[in-house]
């Protein structure tokens, strides 16, 4: 199996609803997110790629145009947790590249959430 990964960056705000008022994530706050897109294939294409990294520009456009410097509660269906954001971005990527196997989302330097079916 051949696997490629590419990282993308954006900043956004959110509130995680349903938490106790004492929980810091129940208040408006933001993160400098890191998103890792992971694609894999049993065989490489005719040029030797799983997917050309340059073709992933459209995923960067989704992040830049829809998420960067936005309020995620207005964009992401459901909770705006890192886990749900990973799922949302996985669905978007999988619709473009069937080779998508996972999306990881980091909100801080020490935390990661991953969606992988």
PDB file of N, CA and C in Angstrom:
ATOM      1  N   UNK A   1       0.846  -1.179   0.000  1.00  0.00           N
ATOM      2  CA  UNK A   1       0.000   0.000   0.000  1.00  0.00           C
ATOM      3  C   UNK A   1       0.890   1.240   0.000  1.00  0.00           C
ATOM      4  N   UNK A   2       0.596   2.151  -0.883  1.00  0.00           N
ATOM      5  CA  UNK A   2       1.291   3.433  -0.948  1.00  0.00           C
ATOM      6  C   UNK A   2       0.440   4.483  -0.243  1.00  0.00           C
ATOM      7  N   UNK A   3       1.067   5.307   0.572  1.00  0.00           N
ATOM      8  CA  UNK A   3       0.344   6.325   1.341  1.00  0.00           C
ATOM      9  C   UNK A   3       1.029   7.666   1.187  1.00  0.00           C
ATOM     10  N   UNK A   4       0.222   8.715   1.017  1.00  0.00           N
ATOM     11  CA  UNK A   4       0.736  10.084   1.032  1.00  0.00           C
ATOM     12  C   UNK A   4      -0.029  10.881   2.077  1.00  0.00           C
ATOM     13  N   UNK A   5       0.613  11.938   2.581  1.00  0.00           N
ATOM     14  CA  UNK A   5       0.000  12.829   3.553  1.00  0.00           C
ATOM     15  C   UNK A   5       0.358  14.254   3.187  1.00  0.00           C
ATOM     16  N   UNK A   6      -0.562  15.155   3.439  1.00  0.00           N
ATOM     17  CA  UNK A   6      -0.286  16.576   3.249  1.00  0.00           C
ATOM     18  C   UNK A   6      -0.973  17.342   4.366  1.00  0.00           C
ATOM     19  N   UNK A   7      -0.267  18.354   4.892  1.00  0.00           N
ATOM     20  CA  UNK A   7      -0.801  19.181   5.970  1.00  0.00           C
ATOM     21  C   UNK A   7      -1.324  20.500   5.418  1.00  0.00           C
ATOM     22  N   UNK A   8      -2.380  20.971   6.071  1.00  0.00           N
ATOM     23  CA  UNK A   8      -3.011  22.241   5.737  1.00  0.00           C
ATOM     24  C   UNK A   8      -3.245  22.987   7.050  1.00  0.00           C
ATOM     25  N   UNK A   9      -3.280  24.303   6.976  1.00  0.00           N
ATOM     26  CA  UNK A   9      -3.386  25.121   8.181  1.00  0.00           C
ATOM     27  C   UNK A   9      -4.501  26.148   8.035  1.00  0.00           C
ATOM     28  N   UNK A  10      -5.209  26.402   9.133  1.00  0.00           N
ATOM     29  CA  UNK A  10      -6.184  27.487   9.147  1.00  0.00           C
ATOM     30  C   UNK A  10      -6.480  27.882  10.589  1.00  0.00           C
ATOM     31  N   UNK A  11      -7.062  29.055  10.746  1.00  0.00           N
ATOM     32  CA  UNK A  11      -7.475  29.561  12.056  1.00  0.00           C
ATOM     33  C   UNK A  11      -8.973  29.798  12.023  1.00  0.00           C
ATOM     34  N   UNK A  12      -9.641  29.434  13.115  1.00  0.00           N
ATOM     35  CA  UNK A  12     -11.094  29.619  13.179  1.00  0.00           C
ATOM     36  C   UNK A  12     -11.549  29.629  14.630  1.00  0.00           C
ATOM     37  N   UNK A  13     -12.760  30.149  14.833  1.00  0.00           N
ATOM     38  CA  UNK A  13     -13.370  30.158  16.162  1.00  0.00           C
ATOM     39  C   UNK A  13     -14.493  29.135  16.218  1.00  0.00           C
ATOM     40  N   UNK A  14     -14.885  28.780  17.443  1.00  0.00           N
ATOM     41  CA  UNK A  14     -16.043  27.917  17.640  1.00  0.00           C
ATOM     42  C   UNK A  14     -16.442  27.905  19.102  1.00  0.00           C
ATOM     43  N   UNK A  15     -17.608  27.350  19.342  1.00  0.00           N
ATOM     44  CA  UNK A  15     -18.118  27.078  20.675  1.00  0.00           C
ATOM     45  C   UNK A  15     -18.631  25.649  20.635  1.00  0.00           C
ATOM     46  N   UNK A  16     -18.269  24.839  21.605  1.00  0.00           N
ATOM     47  CA  UNK A  16     -18.828  23.492  21.673  1.00  0.00           C
ATOM     48  C   UNK A  16     -20.027  23.567  22.610  1.00  0.00           C
ATOM     49  N   UNK A  17     -21.206  23.442  22.014  1.00  0.00           N
ATOM     50  CA  UNK A  17     -22.455  23.574  22.767  1.00  0.00           C
ATOM     51  C   UNK A  17     -22.745  22.294  23.540  1.00  0.00           C
ATOM     52  N   UNK A  18     -23.491  22.444  24.624  1.00  0.00           N
ATOM     53  CA  UNK A  18     -23.885  21.298  25.429  1.00  0.00           C
ATOM     54  C   UNK A  18     -22.929  20.979  26.564  1.00  0.00           C
ATOM     55  N   UNK A  19     -21.863  21.723  26.682  1.00  0.00           N
ATOM     56  CA  UNK A  19     -20.919  21.527  27.787  1.00  0.00           C
ATOM     57  C   UNK A  19     -21.335  22.371  28.984  1.00  0.00           C
ATOM     58  N   UNK A  20     -20.906  21.996  30.177  1.00  0.00           N
ATOM     59  CA  UNK A  20     -21.196  22.852  31.339  1.00  0.00           C
ATOM     60  C   UNK A  20     -20.566  24.234  31.151  1.00  0.00           C
ATOM     61  N   UNK A  21     -21.204  25.243  31.721  1.00  0.00           N
ATOM     62  CA  UNK A  21     -20.672  26.608  31.608  1.00  0.00           C
ATOM     63  C   UNK A  21     -19.240  26.720  32.125  1.00  0.00           C
ATOM     64  N   UNK A  22     -18.861  25.854  33.043  1.00  0.00           N
ATOM     65  CA  UNK A  22     -17.516  25.899  33.609  1.00  0.00           C
ATOM     66  C   UNK A  22     -16.451  25.349  32.663  1.00  0.00           C
ATOM     67  N   UNK A  23     -16.856  24.657  31.614  1.00  0.00           N
ATOM     68  CA  UNK A  23     -15.893  24.076  30.663  1.00  0.00           C
ATOM     69  C   UNK A  23     -15.389  25.165  29.728  1.00  0.00           C
ATOM     70  N   UNK A  24     -14.070  25.298  29.545  1.00  0.00           N
ATOM     71  CA  UNK A  24     -13.542  26.384  28.707  1.00  0.00           C
ATOM     72  C   UNK A  24     -14.015  26.321  27.251  1.00  0.00           C
ATOM     73  N   UNK A  25     -14.330  25.140  26.752  1.00  0.00           N
ATOM     74  CA  UNK A  25     -14.761  25.019  25.355  1.00  0.00           C
ATOM     75  C   UNK A  25     -16.220  25.421  25.153  1.00  0.00           C
ATOM     76  N   UNK A  26     -16.941  25.692  26.252  1.00  0.00           N
ATOM     77  CA  UNK A  26     -18.323  26.165  26.134  1.00  0.00           C
ATOM     78  C   UNK A  26     -18.376  27.650  25.794  1.00  0.00           C
ATOM     79  N   UNK A  27     -17.227  28.317  25.915  1.00  0.00           N
ATOM     80  CA  UNK A  27     -17.136  29.740  25.592  1.00  0.00           C
ATOM     81  C   UNK A  27     -16.539  29.914  24.200  1.00  0.00           C
ATOM     82  N   UNK A  28     -16.793  31.060  23.602  1.00  0.00           N
ATOM     83  CA  UNK A  28     -16.209  31.383  22.305  1.00  0.00           C
ATOM     84  C   UNK A  28     -14.682  31.352  22.426  1.00  0.00           C
ATOM     85  N   UNK A  29     -14.040  30.603  21.551  1.00  0.00           N
ATOM     86  CA  UNK A  29     -12.579  30.530  21.531  1.00  0.00           C
ATOM     87  C   UNK A  29     -12.140  30.105  20.135  1.00  0.00           C
ATOM     88  N   UNK A  30     -10.853  30.109  19.886  1.00  0.00           N
ATOM     89  CA  UNK A  30     -10.349  29.753  18.572  1.00  0.00           C
ATOM     90  C   UNK A  30      -9.103  28.901  18.641  1.00  0.00           C
ATOM     91  N   UNK A  31      -8.752  28.362  17.498  1.00  0.00           N
ATOM     92  CA  UNK A  31      -7.562  27.520  17.378  1.00  0.00           C
ATOM     93  C   UNK A  31      -6.840  27.840  16.072  1.00  0.00           C
ATOM     94  N   UNK A  32      -5.560  27.538  16.068  1.00  0.00           N
ATOM     95  CA  UNK A  32      -4.783  27.482  14.836  1.00  0.00           C
ATOM     96  C   UNK A  32      -4.723  26.001  14.475  1.00  0.00           C
ATOM     97  N   UNK A  33      -5.617  25.598  13.592  1.00  0.00           N
ATOM     98  CA  UNK A  33      -5.781  24.185  13.252  1.00  0.00           C
ATOM     99  C   UNK A  33      -4.710  23.697  12.287  1.00  0.00           C
ATOM    100  N   UNK A  34      -4.373  22.428  12.435  1.00  0.00           N
ATOM    101  CA  UNK A  34      -3.568  21.706  11.447  1.00  0.00           C
ATOM    102  C   UNK A  34      -4.423  20.530  10.997  1.00  0.00           C
ATOM    103  N   UNK A  35      -4.572  20.380   9.692  1.00  0.00           N
ATOM    104  CA  UNK A  35      -5.333  19.274   9.112  1.00  0.00           C
ATOM    105  C   UNK A  35      -4.382  18.433   8.285  1.00  0.00           C
ATOM    106  N   UNK A  36      -4.410  17.143   8.504  1.00  0.00           N
ATOM    107  CA  UNK A  36      -3.579  16.225   7.731  1.00  0.00           C
ATOM    108  C   UNK A  36      -4.505  15.347   6.900  1.00  0.00           C
ATOM    109  N   UNK A  37      -4.333  15.409   5.594  1.00  0.00           N
ATOM    110  CA  UNK A  37      -5.098  14.598   4.649  1.00  0.00           C
ATOM    111  C   UNK A  37      -4.244  13.399   4.262  1.00  0.00           C
ATOM    112  N   UNK A  38      -4.809  12.192   4.385  1.00  0.00           N
ATOM    113  CA  UNK A  38      -4.071  10.960   4.109  1.00  0.00           C
ATOM    114  C   UNK A  38      -4.786  10.193   2.996  1.00  0.00           C
ATOM    115  N   UNK A  39      -4.042   9.872   1.948  1.00  0.00           N
ATOM    116  CA  UNK A  39      -4.574   9.110   0.826  1.00  0.00           C
ATOM    117  C   UNK A  39      -3.703   7.890   0.604  1.00  0.00           C
ATOM    118  N   UNK A  40      -4.295   6.810   0.090  1.00  0.00           N
ATOM    119  CA  UNK A  40      -3.542   5.575  -0.134  1.00  0.00           C
ATOM    120  C   UNK A  40      -4.084   4.849  -1.359  1.00  0.00           C
ATOM    121  N   UNK A  41      -3.202   4.046  -1.961  1.00  0.00           N
ATOM    122  CA  UNK A  41      -3.596   3.241  -3.117  1.00  0.00           C
ATOM    123  C   UNK A  41      -2.710   2.003  -3.193  1.00  0.00           C
ATOM    124  N   UNK A  42      -3.288   0.935  -3.667  1.00  0.00           N
ATOM    125  CA  UNK A  42      -2.525  -0.301  -3.889  1.00  0.00           C
ATOM    126  C   UNK A  42      -1.543  -0.124  -5.033  1.00  0.00           C
ATOM    127  N   UNK A  43      -1.979   0.608  -6.055  1.00  0.00           N
ATOM    128  CA  UNK A  43      -1.154   0.834  -7.243  1.00  0.00           C
ATOM    129  C   UNK A  43      -0.979   2.324  -7.479  1.00  0.00           C
ATOM    130  N   UNK A  44       0.135   2.693  -8.054  1.00  0.00           N
ATOM    131  CA  UNK A  44       0.393   4.085  -8.401  1.00  0.00           C
ATOM    132  C   UNK A  44      -0.170   4.382  -9.782  1.00  0.00           C
ATOM    133  N   UNK A  45      -0.451   5.659 -10.038  1.00  0.00           N
ATOM    134  CA  UNK A  45      -0.919   6.024 -11.373  1.00  0.00           C
ATOM    135  C   UNK A  45       0.249   5.982 -12.363  1.00  0.00           C
ATOM    136  N   UNK A  46      -0.017   6.332 -13.606  1.00  0.00           N
ATOM    137  CA  UNK A  46       1.000   6.209 -14.657  1.00  0.00           C
ATOM    138  C   UNK A  46       2.216   7.095 -14.434  1.00  0.00           C
ATOM    139  N   UNK A  47       2.094   8.124 -13.587  1.00  0.00           N
ATOM    140  CA  UNK A  47       3.240   8.988 -13.302  1.00  0.00           C
ATOM    141  C   UNK A  47       3.935   8.624 -12.000  1.00  0.00           C
ATOM    142  N   UNK A  48       3.426   7.572 -11.325  1.00  0.00           N
ATOM    143  CA  UNK A  48       4.066   7.111 -10.107  1.00  0.00           C
ATOM    144  C   UNK A  48       3.524   7.727  -8.829  1.00  0.00           C
ATOM    145  N   UNK A  49       2.320   8.292  -8.878  1.00  0.00           N
ATOM    146  CA  UNK A  49       1.719   8.946  -7.723  1.00  0.00           C
ATOM    147  C   UNK A  49       0.500   8.185  -7.213  1.00  0.00           C
ATOM    148  N   UNK A  50       0.222   8.328  -5.921  1.00  0.00           N
ATOM    149  CA  UNK A  50      -1.108   7.992  -5.394  1.00  0.00           C
ATOM    150  C   UNK A  50      -2.058   9.055  -5.931  1.00  0.00           C
ATOM    151  N   UNK A  51      -1.731  10.305  -5.650  1.00  0.00           N
ATOM    152  CA  UNK A  51      -2.359  11.504  -6.214  1.00  0.00           C
ATOM    153  C   UNK A  51      -1.267  12.554  -6.258  1.00  0.00           C
ATOM    154  N   UNK A  52      -1.201  13.304  -7.326  1.00  0.00           N
ATOM    155  CA  UNK A  52      -0.226  14.389  -7.429  1.00  0.00           C
ATOM    156  C   UNK A  52      -0.513  15.407  -6.319  1.00  0.00           C
ATOM    157  N   UNK A  53       0.504  15.767  -5.529  1.00  0.00           N
ATOM    158  CA  UNK A  53       0.305  16.743  -4.460  1.00  0.00           C
ATOM    159  C   UNK A  53      -0.317  18.040  -4.986  1.00  0.00           C
ATOM    160  N   UNK A  54       0.037  18.414  -6.196  1.00  0.00           N
ATOM    161  CA  UNK A  54      -0.524  19.631  -6.788  1.00  0.00           C
ATOM    162  C   UNK A  54      -2.030  19.561  -6.950  1.00  0.00           C
ATOM    163  N   UNK A  55      -2.558  18.360  -7.139  1.00  0.00           N
ATOM    164  CA  UNK A  55      -4.003  18.194  -7.285  1.00  0.00           C
ATOM    165  C   UNK A  55      -4.746  18.437  -5.973  1.00  0.00           C
ATOM    166  N   UNK A  56      -4.020  18.446  -4.865  1.00  0.00           N
ATOM    167  CA  UNK A  56      -4.656  18.664  -3.568  1.00  0.00           C
ATOM    168  C   UNK A  56      -4.937  20.141  -3.295  1.00  0.00           C
ATOM    169  N   UNK A  57      -4.624  20.990  -4.268  1.00  0.00           N
ATOM    170  CA  UNK A  57      -4.918  22.422  -4.134  1.00  0.00           C
ATOM    171  C   UNK A  57      -6.403  22.676  -3.900  1.00  0.00           C
ATOM    172  N   UNK A  58      -7.254  21.822  -4.464  1.00  0.00           N
ATOM    173  CA  UNK A  58      -8.691  22.046  -4.273  1.00  0.00           C
ATOM    174  C   UNK A  58      -9.104  21.799  -2.819  1.00  0.00           C
ATOM    175  N   UNK A  59      -8.395  20.934  -2.089  1.00  0.00           N
ATOM    176  CA  UNK A  59      -8.664  20.746  -0.662  1.00  0.00           C
ATOM    177  C   UNK A  59      -8.221  21.986   0.105  1.00  0.00           C
ATOM    178  N   UNK A  60      -7.084  22.538  -0.273  1.00  0.00           N
ATOM    179  CA  UNK A  60      -6.623  23.791   0.332  1.00  0.00           C
ATOM    180  C   UNK A  60      -7.633  24.900   0.085  1.00  0.00           C
ATOM    181  N   UNK A  61      -8.232  24.913  -1.110  1.00  0.00           N
ATOM    182  CA  UNK A  61      -9.242  25.930  -1.421  1.00  0.00           C
ATOM    183  C   UNK A  61     -10.470  25.780  -0.524  1.00  0.00           C
ATOM    184  N   UNK A  62     -10.886  24.549  -0.239  1.00  0.00           N
ATOM    185  CA  UNK A  62     -12.009  24.320   0.679  1.00  0.00           C
ATOM    186  C   UNK A  62     -11.679  24.921   2.037  1.00  0.00           C
ATOM    187  N   UNK A  63     -10.492  24.626   2.531  1.00  0.00           N
ATOM    188  CA  UNK A  63     -10.080  25.137   3.840  1.00  0.00           C
ATOM    189  C   UNK A  63      -9.979  26.659   3.822  1.00  0.00           C
ATOM    190  N   UNK A  64      -9.298  27.199   2.819  1.00  0.00           N
ATOM    191  CA  UNK A  64      -9.096  28.650   2.755  1.00  0.00           C
ATOM    192  C   UNK A  64     -10.405  29.413   2.563  1.00  0.00           C
ATOM    193  N   UNK A  65     -11.271  28.925   1.694  1.00  0.00           N
ATOM    194  CA  UNK A  65     -12.489  29.655   1.344  1.00  0.00           C
ATOM    195  C   UNK A  65     -13.657  29.414   2.293  1.00  0.00           C
ATOM    196  N   UNK A  66     -13.696  28.243   2.930  1.00  0.00           N
ATOM    197  CA  UNK A  66     -14.851  27.908   3.754  1.00  0.00           C
ATOM    198  C   UNK A  66     -14.591  27.917   5.257  1.00  0.00           C
ATOM    199  N   UNK A  67     -13.342  27.676   5.678  1.00  0.00           N
ATOM    200  CA  UNK A  67     -13.075  27.518   7.103  1.00  0.00           C
ATOM    201  C   UNK A  67     -12.158  28.581   7.698  1.00  0.00           C
ATOM    202  N   UNK A  68     -11.182  29.036   6.952  1.00  0.00           N
ATOM    203  CA  UNK A  68     -10.170  29.929   7.508  1.00  0.00           C
ATOM    204  C   UNK A  68     -10.780  31.260   7.960  1.00  0.00           C
ATOM    205  N   UNK A  69     -10.490  31.623   9.199  1.00  0.00           N
ATOM    206  CA  UNK A  69     -10.969  32.860   9.822  1.00  0.00           C
ATOM    207  C   UNK A  69     -12.493  32.956   9.768  1.00  0.00           C
ATOM    208  N   UNK A  70     -13.140  31.824  10.055  1.00  0.00           N
ATOM    209  CA  UNK A  70     -14.603  31.745  10.121  1.00  0.00           C
ATOM    210  C   UNK A  70     -15.002  31.224  11.498  1.00  0.00           C
ATOM    211  N   UNK A  71     -16.295  31.278  11.760  1.00  0.00           N
ATOM    212  CA  UNK A  71     -16.863  30.711  12.982  1.00  0.00           C
ATOM    213  C   UNK A  71     -17.438  29.342  12.595  1.00  0.00           C
ATOM    214  N   UNK A  72     -16.809  28.271  13.066  1.00  0.00           N
ATOM    215  CA  UNK A  72     -17.141  26.923  12.605  1.00  0.00           C
ATOM    216  C   UNK A  72     -18.579  26.522  12.919  1.00  0.00           C
ATOM    217  N   UNK A  73     -19.177  27.070  13.960  1.00  0.00           N
ATOM    218  CA  UNK A  73     -20.566  26.744  14.279  1.00  0.00           C
ATOM    219  C   UNK A  73     -21.523  27.144  13.156  1.00  0.00           C
ATOM    220  N   UNK A  74     -21.118  28.075  12.312  1.00  0.00           N
ATOM    221  CA  UNK A  74     -21.947  28.499  11.186  1.00  0.00           C
ATOM    222  C   UNK A  74     -21.714  27.649   9.942  1.00  0.00           C
ATOM    223  N   UNK A  75     -20.749  26.718   9.987  1.00  0.00           N
ATOM    224  CA  UNK A  75     -20.356  25.971   8.794  1.00  0.00           C
ATOM    225  C   UNK A  75     -20.496  24.464   8.962  1.00  0.00           C
ATOM    226  N   UNK A  76     -19.998  23.940  10.063  1.00  0.00           N
ATOM    227  CA  UNK A  76     -19.935  22.491  10.274  1.00  0.00           C
ATOM    228  C   UNK A  76     -21.271  22.000  10.833  1.00  0.00           C
ATOM    229  N   UNK A  77     -21.900  21.002  10.199  1.00  0.00           N
ATOM    230  CA  UNK A  77     -23.113  20.448  10.792  1.00  0.00           C
ATOM    231  C   UNK A  77     -22.781  19.671  12.072  1.00  0.00           C
ATOM    232  N   UNK A  78     -23.541  19.886  13.100  1.00  0.00           N
ATOM    233  CA  UNK A  78     -23.311  19.160  14.348  1.00  0.00           C
ATOM    234  C   UNK A  78     -22.249  19.819  15.202  1.00  0.00           C
ATOM    235  N   UNK A  79     -21.764  19.086  16.196  1.00  0.00           N
ATOM    236  CA  UNK A  79     -20.755  19.641  17.104  1.00  0.00           C
ATOM    237  C   UNK A  79     -19.483  20.045  16.353  1.00  0.00           C
ATOM    238  N   UNK A  80     -18.838  21.083  16.846  1.00  0.00           N
ATOM    239  CA  UNK A  80     -17.619  21.571  16.191  1.00  0.00           C
ATOM    240  C   UNK A  80     -16.359  21.034  16.855  1.00  0.00           C
ATOM    241  N   UNK A  81     -16.463  19.817  17.375  1.00  0.00           N
ATOM    242  CA  UNK A  81     -15.294  19.152  17.967  1.00  0.00           C
ATOM    243  C   UNK A  81     -14.282  18.837  16.869  1.00  0.00           C
ATOM    244  N   UNK A  82     -13.046  18.601  17.266  1.00  0.00           N
ATOM    245  CA  UNK A  82     -12.016  18.202  16.307  1.00  0.00           C
ATOM    246  C   UNK A  82     -12.405  16.899  15.622  1.00  0.00           C
ATOM    247  N   UNK A  83     -13.050  16.003  16.368  1.00  0.00           N
ATOM    248  CA  UNK A  83     -13.470  14.724  15.803  1.00  0.00           C
ATOM    249  C   UNK A  83     -14.483  14.927  14.674  1.00  0.00           C
ATOM    250  N   UNK A  84     -15.472  15.786  14.925  1.00  0.00           N
ATOM    251  CA  UNK A  84     -16.493  16.022  13.914  1.00  0.00           C
ATOM    252  C   UNK A  84     -15.942  16.818  12.738  1.00  0.00           C
ATOM    253  N   UNK A  85     -15.016  17.715  13.006  1.00  0.00           N
ATOM    254  CA  UNK A  85     -14.360  18.458  11.923  1.00  0.00           C
ATOM    255  C   UNK A  85     -13.568  17.504  11.037  1.00  0.00           C
ATOM    256  N   UNK A  86     -12.892  16.524  11.636  1.00  0.00           N
ATOM    257  CA  UNK A  86     -12.157  15.523  10.848  1.00  0.00           C
ATOM    258  C   UNK A  86     -13.121  14.738   9.970  1.00  0.00           C
ATOM    259  N   UNK A  87     -14.273  14.360  10.510  1.00  0.00           N
ATOM    260  CA  UNK A  87     -15.278  13.634   9.737  1.00  0.00           C
ATOM    261  C   UNK A  87     -15.795  14.486   8.579  1.00  0.00           C
ATOM    262  N   UNK A  88     -16.128  15.747   8.860  1.00  0.00           N
ATOM    263  CA  UNK A  88     -16.616  16.674   7.840  1.00  0.00           C
ATOM    264  C   UNK A  88     -15.605  16.806   6.695  1.00  0.00           C
ATOM    265  N   UNK A  89     -14.337  17.014   7.041  1.00  0.00           N
ATOM    266  CA  UNK A  89     -13.314  17.179   6.009  1.00  0.00           C
ATOM    267  C   UNK A  89     -13.035  15.871   5.275  1.00  0.00           C
ATOM    268  N   UNK A  90     -13.152  14.734   5.972  1.00  0.00           N
ATOM    269  CA  UNK A  90     -12.999  13.438   5.304  1.00  0.00           C
ATOM    270  C   UNK A  90     -14.067  13.290   4.223  1.00  0.00           C
ATOM    271  N   UNK A  91     -15.301  13.605   4.552  1.00  0.00           N
ATOM    272  CA  UNK A  91     -16.391  13.477   3.578  1.00  0.00           C
ATOM    273  C   UNK A  91     -16.142  14.366   2.366  1.00  0.00           C
ATOM    274  N   UNK A  92     -15.672  15.566   2.585  1.00  0.00           N
ATOM    275  CA  UNK A  92     -15.379  16.488   1.477  1.00  0.00           C
ATOM    276  C   UNK A  92     -14.261  15.938   0.601  1.00  0.00           C
ATOM    277  N   UNK A  93     -13.192  15.434   1.238  1.00  0.00           N
ATOM    278  CA  UNK A  93     -12.048  14.906   0.472  1.00  0.00           C
ATOM    279  C   UNK A  93     -12.410  13.627  -0.269  1.00  0.00           C
ATOM    280  N   UNK A  94     -13.136  12.738   0.381  1.00  0.00           N
ATOM    281  CA  UNK A  94     -13.496  11.443  -0.224  1.00  0.00           C
ATOM    282  C   UNK A  94     -14.336  11.640  -1.485  1.00  0.00           C
ATOM    283  N   UNK A  95     -15.149  12.709  -1.510  1.00  0.00           N
ATOM    284  CA  UNK A  95     -15.961  13.010  -2.690  1.00  0.00           C
ATOM    285  C   UNK A  95     -15.096  13.412  -3.888  1.00  0.00           C
ATOM    286  N   UNK A  96     -13.908  13.902  -3.607  1.00  0.00           N
ATOM    287  CA  UNK A  96     -12.994  14.320  -4.682  1.00  0.00           C
ATOM    288  C   UNK A  96     -12.009  13.212  -5.015  1.00  0.00           C
ATOM    289  N   UNK A  97     -11.427  12.582  -3.983  1.00  0.00           N
ATOM    290  CA  UNK A  97     -10.407  11.539  -4.171  1.00  0.00           C
ATOM    291  C   UNK A  97     -10.856  10.263  -3.467  1.00  0.00           C
ATOM    292  N   UNK A  98     -11.231   9.246  -4.208  1.00  0.00           N
ATOM    293  CA  UNK A  98     -11.605   7.974  -3.591  1.00  0.00           C
ATOM    294  C   UNK A  98     -10.467   7.353  -2.780  1.00  0.00           C
ATOM    295  N   UNK A  99      -9.243   7.780  -3.022  1.00  0.00           N
ATOM    296  CA  UNK A  99      -8.071   7.248  -2.312  1.00  0.00           C
ATOM    297  C   UNK A  99      -7.956   7.782  -0.882  1.00  0.00           C
ATOM    298  N   UNK A 100      -8.835   8.696  -0.486  1.00  0.00           N
ATOM    299  CA  UNK A 100      -8.790   9.263   0.869  1.00  0.00           C
ATOM    300  C   UNK A 100      -9.052   8.166   1.889  1.00  0.00           C
ATOM    301  N   UNK A 101      -8.141   8.031   2.859  1.00  0.00           N
ATOM    302  CA  UNK A 101      -8.317   7.015   3.904  1.00  0.00           C
ATOM    303  C   UNK A 101      -8.506   7.609   5.296  1.00  0.00           C
ATOM    304  N   UNK A 102      -8.067   8.855   5.506  1.00  0.00           N
ATOM    305  CA  UNK A 102      -8.211   9.463   6.830  1.00  0.00           C
ATOM    306  C   UNK A 102      -7.976  10.960   6.756  1.00  0.00           C
ATOM    307  N   UNK A 103      -8.539  11.644   7.746  1.00  0.00           N
ATOM    308  CA  UNK A 103      -8.245  13.055   7.977  1.00  0.00           C
ATOM    309  C   UNK A 103      -7.988  13.216   9.469  1.00  0.00           C
ATOM    310  N   UNK A 104      -6.893  13.902   9.797  1.00  0.00           N
ATOM    311  CA  UNK A 104      -6.542  14.196  11.186  1.00  0.00           C
ATOM    312  C   UNK A 104      -6.644  15.705  11.395  1.00  0.00           C
ATOM    313  N   UNK A 105      -7.107  16.091  12.568  1.00  0.00           N
ATOM    314  CA  UNK A 105      -7.251  17.508  12.908  1.00  0.00           C
ATOM    315  C   UNK A 105      -6.576  17.751  14.246  1.00  0.00           C
ATOM    316  N   UNK A 106      -5.734  18.777  14.297  1.00  0.00           N
ATOM    317  CA  UNK A 106      -5.082  19.186  15.540  1.00  0.00           C
ATOM    318  C   UNK A 106      -5.559  20.578  15.905  1.00  0.00           C
ATOM    319  N   UNK A 107      -5.950  20.737  17.178  1.00  0.00           N
ATOM    320  CA  UNK A 107      -6.312  22.049  17.701  1.00  0.00           C
ATOM    321  C   UNK A 107      -5.177  22.668  18.499  1.00  0.00           C
ATOM    322  N   UNK A 108      -4.308  21.824  19.045  1.00  0.00           N
ATOM    323  CA  UNK A 108      -3.176  22.285  19.841  1.00  0.00           C
ATOM    324  C   UNK A 108      -1.955  21.448  19.461  1.00  0.00           C
ATOM    325  N   UNK A 109      -0.765  21.862  19.861  1.00  0.00           N
ATOM    326  CA  UNK A 109       0.427  21.074  19.520  1.00  0.00           C
ATOM    327  C   UNK A 109       0.438  19.656  20.094  1.00  0.00           C
ATOM    328  N   UNK A 110      -0.416  19.382  21.078  1.00  0.00           N
ATOM    329  CA  UNK A 110      -0.370  18.056  21.706  1.00  0.00           C
ATOM    330  C   UNK A 110      -1.631  17.218  21.501  1.00  0.00           C
ATOM    331  N   UNK A 111      -2.602  17.721  20.726  1.00  0.00           N
ATOM    332  CA  UNK A 111      -3.839  16.962  20.547  1.00  0.00           C
ATOM    333  C   UNK A 111      -4.158  16.751  19.075  1.00  0.00           C
ATOM    334  N   UNK A 112      -4.636  15.544  18.760  1.00  0.00           N
ATOM    335  CA  UNK A 112      -5.052  15.179  17.396  1.00  0.00           C
ATOM    336  C   UNK A 112      -6.319  14.359  17.476  1.00  0.00           C
ATOM    337  N   UNK A 113      -7.221  14.580  16.515  1.00  0.00           N
ATOM    338  CA  UNK A 113      -8.395  13.741  16.334  1.00  0.00           C
ATOM    339  C   UNK A 113      -8.326  13.211  14.912  1.00  0.00           C
ATOM    340  N   UNK A 114      -8.720  11.969  14.717  1.00  0.00           N
ATOM    341  CA  UNK A 114      -8.659  11.362  13.385  1.00  0.00           C
ATOM    342  C   UNK A 114      -9.990  10.712  13.052  1.00  0.00           C
ATOM    343  N   UNK A 115     -10.424  10.890  11.789  1.00  0.00           N
ATOM    344  CA  UNK A 115     -11.541  10.086  11.280  1.00  0.00           C
ATOM    345  C   UNK A 115     -10.997   9.182  10.190  1.00  0.00           C
ATOM    346  N   UNK A 116     -11.243   7.903  10.374  1.00  0.00           N
ATOM    347  CA  UNK A 116     -10.830   6.885   9.422  1.00  0.00           C
ATOM    348  C   UNK A 116     -11.938   5.829   9.434  1.00  0.00           C
ATOM    349  N   UNK A 117     -12.624   5.621   8.298  1.00  0.00           N
ATOM    350  CA  UNK A 117     -13.707   4.620   8.314  1.00  0.00           C
ATOM    351  C   UNK A 117     -13.170   3.207   8.540  1.00  0.00           C
TER     352      UNK A 117
END
